C-alpha atoms as a PDB file:
ATOM      1  CA  UNK A   1       7.598 -76.489 -27.280  1.00  0.00           C
ATOM      2  CA  UNK A   2       4.706 -78.857 -26.691  1.00  0.00           C
ATOM      3  CA  UNK A   3       4.397 -82.598 -26.805  1.00  0.00           C
ATOM      4  CA  UNK A   4       4.143 -84.073 -30.281  1.00  0.00           C
ATOM      5  CA  UNK A   5       1.382 -86.605 -29.621  1.00  0.00           C
ATOM      6  CA  UNK A   6       1.706 -88.135 -33.087  1.00  0.00           C
ATOM      7  CA  UNK A   7       5.378 -88.997 -32.418  1.00  0.00           C
ATOM      8  CA  UNK A   8       4.530 -90.333 -28.967  1.00  0.00           C
ATOM      9  CA  UNK A   9       1.774 -92.470 -30.485  1.00  0.00           C
ATOM     10  CA  UNK A  10       4.084 -93.842 -33.178  1.00  0.00           C
ATOM     11  CA  UNK A  11       6.672 -94.778 -30.548  1.00  0.00           C
ATOM     12  CA  UNK A  12       4.030 -96.507 -28.438  1.00  0.00           C
ATOM     13  CA  UNK A  13       2.759 -98.426 -31.456  1.00  0.00           C
ATOM     14  CA  UNK A  14       6.273 -99.494 -32.448  1.00  0.00           C
ATOM     15  CA  UNK A  15       7.170-100.602 -28.918  1.00  0.00           C
ATOM     16  CA  UNK A  16       3.836-102.433 -28.526  1.00  0.00           C
ATOM     17  CA  UNK A  17       4.468-104.367 -31.711  1.00  0.00           C
ATOM     18  CA  UNK A  18       8.065-105.147 -30.669  1.00  0.00           C
ATOM     19  CA  UNK A  19       6.652-106.597 -27.446  1.00  0.00           C
ATOM     20  CA  UNK A  20       4.181-108.691 -29.451  1.00  0.00           C
ATOM     21  CA  UNK A  21       1.011-107.162 -28.011  1.00  0.00           C
ATOM     22  CA  UNK A  22      -2.206-106.279 -29.775  1.00  0.00           C
ATOM     23  CA  UNK A  23      -3.975-103.014 -29.044  1.00  0.00           C
ATOM     24  CA  UNK A  24      -6.562-105.013 -27.103  1.00  0.00           C
ATOM     25  CA  UNK A  25      -3.892-106.648 -24.935  1.00  0.00           C
ATOM     26  CA  UNK A  26      -2.220-103.315 -24.182  1.00  0.00           C
ATOM     27  CA  UNK A  27      -5.595-101.767 -23.408  1.00  0.00           C
ATOM     28  CA  UNK A  28      -6.391-104.555 -20.954  1.00  0.00           C
ATOM     29  CA  UNK A  29      -3.005-104.247 -19.218  1.00  0.00           C
ATOM     30  CA  UNK A  30      -3.502-100.481 -18.847  1.00  0.00           C
ATOM     31  CA  UNK A  31      -7.200-100.693 -17.980  1.00  0.00           C
ATOM     32  CA  UNK A  32      -8.219 -98.452 -20.866  1.00  0.00           C
ATOM     33  CA  UNK A  33     -10.313 -99.060 -23.989  1.00  0.00           C
ATOM     34  CA  UNK A  34      -9.030-100.437 -27.293  1.00  0.00           C
ATOM     35  CA  UNK A  35     -10.376 -97.320 -28.974  1.00  0.00           C
ATOM     36  CA  UNK A  36      -8.310 -95.089 -26.671  1.00  0.00           C
ATOM     37  CA  UNK A  37      -5.157 -97.081 -27.501  1.00  0.00           C
ATOM     38  CA  UNK A  38      -5.934 -96.631 -31.195  1.00  0.00           C
ATOM     39  CA  UNK A  39      -6.444 -92.885 -30.746  1.00  0.00           C
ATOM     40  CA  UNK A  40      -3.209 -92.588 -28.749  1.00  0.00           C
ATOM     41  CA  UNK A  41      -1.237 -94.432 -31.407  1.00  0.00           C
ATOM     42  CA  UNK A  42      -2.584 -92.218 -34.204  1.00  0.00           C
ATOM     43  CA  UNK A  43      -2.069 -89.050 -32.170  1.00  0.00           C
ATOM     44  CA  UNK A  44      -5.754 -88.142 -32.307  1.00  0.00           C
ATOM     45  CA  UNK A  45      -6.004 -88.301 -28.498  1.00  0.00           C
ATOM     46  CA  UNK A  46      -3.680 -86.776 -25.931  1.00  0.00           C
ATOM     47  CA  UNK A  47      -2.338 -89.361 -23.526  1.00  0.00           C
ATOM     48  CA  UNK A  48      -2.631 -88.556 -19.822  1.00  0.00           C
ATOM     49  CA  UNK A  49       0.336 -88.919 -17.481  1.00  0.00           C
ATOM     50  CA  UNK A  50      -1.365 -91.798 -15.683  1.00  0.00           C
ATOM     51  CA  UNK A  51      -1.945 -93.700 -18.916  1.00  0.00           C
ATOM     52  CA  UNK A  52       1.557 -92.893 -20.202  1.00  0.00           C
ATOM     53  CA  UNK A  53       2.966 -94.396 -17.016  1.00  0.00           C
ATOM     54  CA  UNK A  54       0.736 -97.487 -17.320  1.00  0.00           C
ATOM     55  CA  UNK A  55       1.752 -97.962 -20.963  1.00  0.00           C
ATOM     56  CA  UNK A  56       5.426 -97.584 -20.019  1.00  0.00           C
ATOM     57  CA  UNK A  57       5.141-100.244 -17.319  1.00  0.00           C
ATOM     58  CA  UNK A  58       3.205-102.583 -19.621  1.00  0.00           C
ATOM     59  CA  UNK A  59       5.824-102.183 -22.360  1.00  0.00           C
ATOM     60  CA  UNK A  60       8.751-102.493 -19.937  1.00  0.00           C
ATOM     61  CA  UNK A  61      10.200 -99.037 -20.512  1.00  0.00           C
ATOM     62  CA  UNK A  62      10.012 -95.531 -19.077  1.00  0.00           C
ATOM     63  CA  UNK A  63       7.786 -92.566 -20.039  1.00  0.00           C
ATOM     64  CA  UNK A  64      10.758 -90.586 -21.339  1.00  0.00           C
ATOM     65  CA  UNK A  65      11.311 -93.299 -23.965  1.00  0.00           C
ATOM     66  CA  UNK A  66       8.088 -92.113 -25.607  1.00  0.00           C
ATOM     67  CA  UNK A  67       8.500 -88.390 -24.917  1.00  0.00           C
ATOM     68  CA  UNK A  68      12.088 -87.463 -25.741  1.00  0.00           C
ATOM     69  CA  UNK A  69      13.365 -87.319 -29.316  1.00  0.00           C
ATOM     70  CA  UNK A  70      17.039 -87.641 -28.390  1.00  0.00           C
ATOM     71  CA  UNK A  71      16.599 -90.391 -25.824  1.00  0.00           C
ATOM     72  CA  UNK A  72      18.590 -92.919 -27.830  1.00  0.00           C
ATOM     73  CA  UNK A  73      21.772 -90.910 -27.294  1.00  0.00           C
ATOM     74  CA  UNK A  74      21.283 -90.523 -23.555  1.00  0.00           C
ATOM     75  CA  UNK A  75      23.814 -92.574 -21.602  1.00  0.00           C
ATOM     76  CA  UNK A  76      21.634 -92.534 -18.486  1.00  0.00           C
ATOM     77  CA  UNK A  77      18.625 -93.813 -20.402  1.00  0.00           C
ATOM     78  CA  UNK A  78      20.645 -96.682 -21.841  1.00  0.00           C
ATOM     79  CA  UNK A  79      21.782 -97.619 -18.329  1.00  0.00           C
ATOM     80  CA  UNK A  80      18.170 -97.550 -17.126  1.00  0.00           C
ATOM     81  CA  UNK A  81      17.039 -99.755 -20.015  1.00  0.00           C
ATOM     82  CA  UNK A  82      19.810-102.253 -19.266  1.00  0.00           C
ATOM     83  CA  UNK A  83      18.842-102.294 -15.585  1.00  0.00           C
ATOM     84  CA  UNK A  84      15.231-103.058 -16.515  1.00  0.00           C
ATOM     85  CA  UNK A  85      16.342-105.918 -18.763  1.00  0.00           C
ATOM     86  CA  UNK A  86      18.704-107.337 -16.129  1.00  0.00           C
ATOM     87  CA  UNK A  87      15.978-107.353 -13.491  1.00  0.00           C
ATOM     88  CA  UNK A  88      14.262-110.293 -15.189  1.00  0.00           C
ATOM     89  CA  UNK A  89      17.400-112.375 -15.800  1.00  0.00           C
ATOM     90  CA  UNK A  90      18.272-115.629 -14.104  1.00  0.00           C
ATOM     91  CA  UNK A  91      21.639-115.896 -12.315  1.00  0.00           C
ATOM     92  CA  UNK A  92      23.188-117.917 -15.158  1.00  0.00           C
ATOM     93  CA  UNK A  93      22.071-115.302 -17.661  1.00  0.00           C
ATOM     94  CA  UNK A  94      23.564-112.528 -15.541  1.00  0.00           C
ATOM     95  CA  UNK A  95      26.873-114.390 -15.469  1.00  0.00           C
ATOM     96  CA  UNK A  96      26.876-114.674 -19.277  1.00  0.00           C
ATOM     97  CA  UNK A  97      25.949-111.003 -19.660  1.00  0.00           C
ATOM     98  CA  UNK A  98      28.779-110.027 -17.335  1.00  0.00           C
ATOM     99  CA  UNK A  99      31.241-112.015 -19.491  1.00  0.00           C
ATOM    100  CA  UNK A 100      29.895-110.386 -22.633  1.00  0.00           C
ATOM    101  CA  UNK A 101      30.165-106.868 -21.224  1.00  0.00           C
ATOM    102  CA  UNK A 102      33.694-107.567 -20.017  1.00  0.00           C
ATOM    103  CA  UNK A 103      34.696-108.785 -23.476  1.00  0.00           C
ATOM    104  CA  UNK A 104      33.210-105.744 -25.196  1.00  0.00           C
ATOM    105  CA  UNK A 105      34.806-103.267 -22.797  1.00  0.00           C
ATOM    106  CA  UNK A 106      38.236-104.868 -23.061  1.00  0.00           C
END
């Protein structure tokens, strides 16, 4: 089973748009060309591991988010995503998040 580059490209495009970036902005952050970003997103170019990693960092996620079809059901992946989000929070935000999690769990 090989990598479905069209699916990977669609996921990258969706995540890029969710983050509010243009193709040009993502290209600049990853030090690649706009054309290459376009080709990646349409699946007409195979993304290298180095670029996949750069795109993942730029879009604040992990490479497996783009590669794995069943990632949304992975408990470990969800924990990793939460950890990434928490990293950028201020102390007051962390306190509120802790309260929220406590309320949901109880």
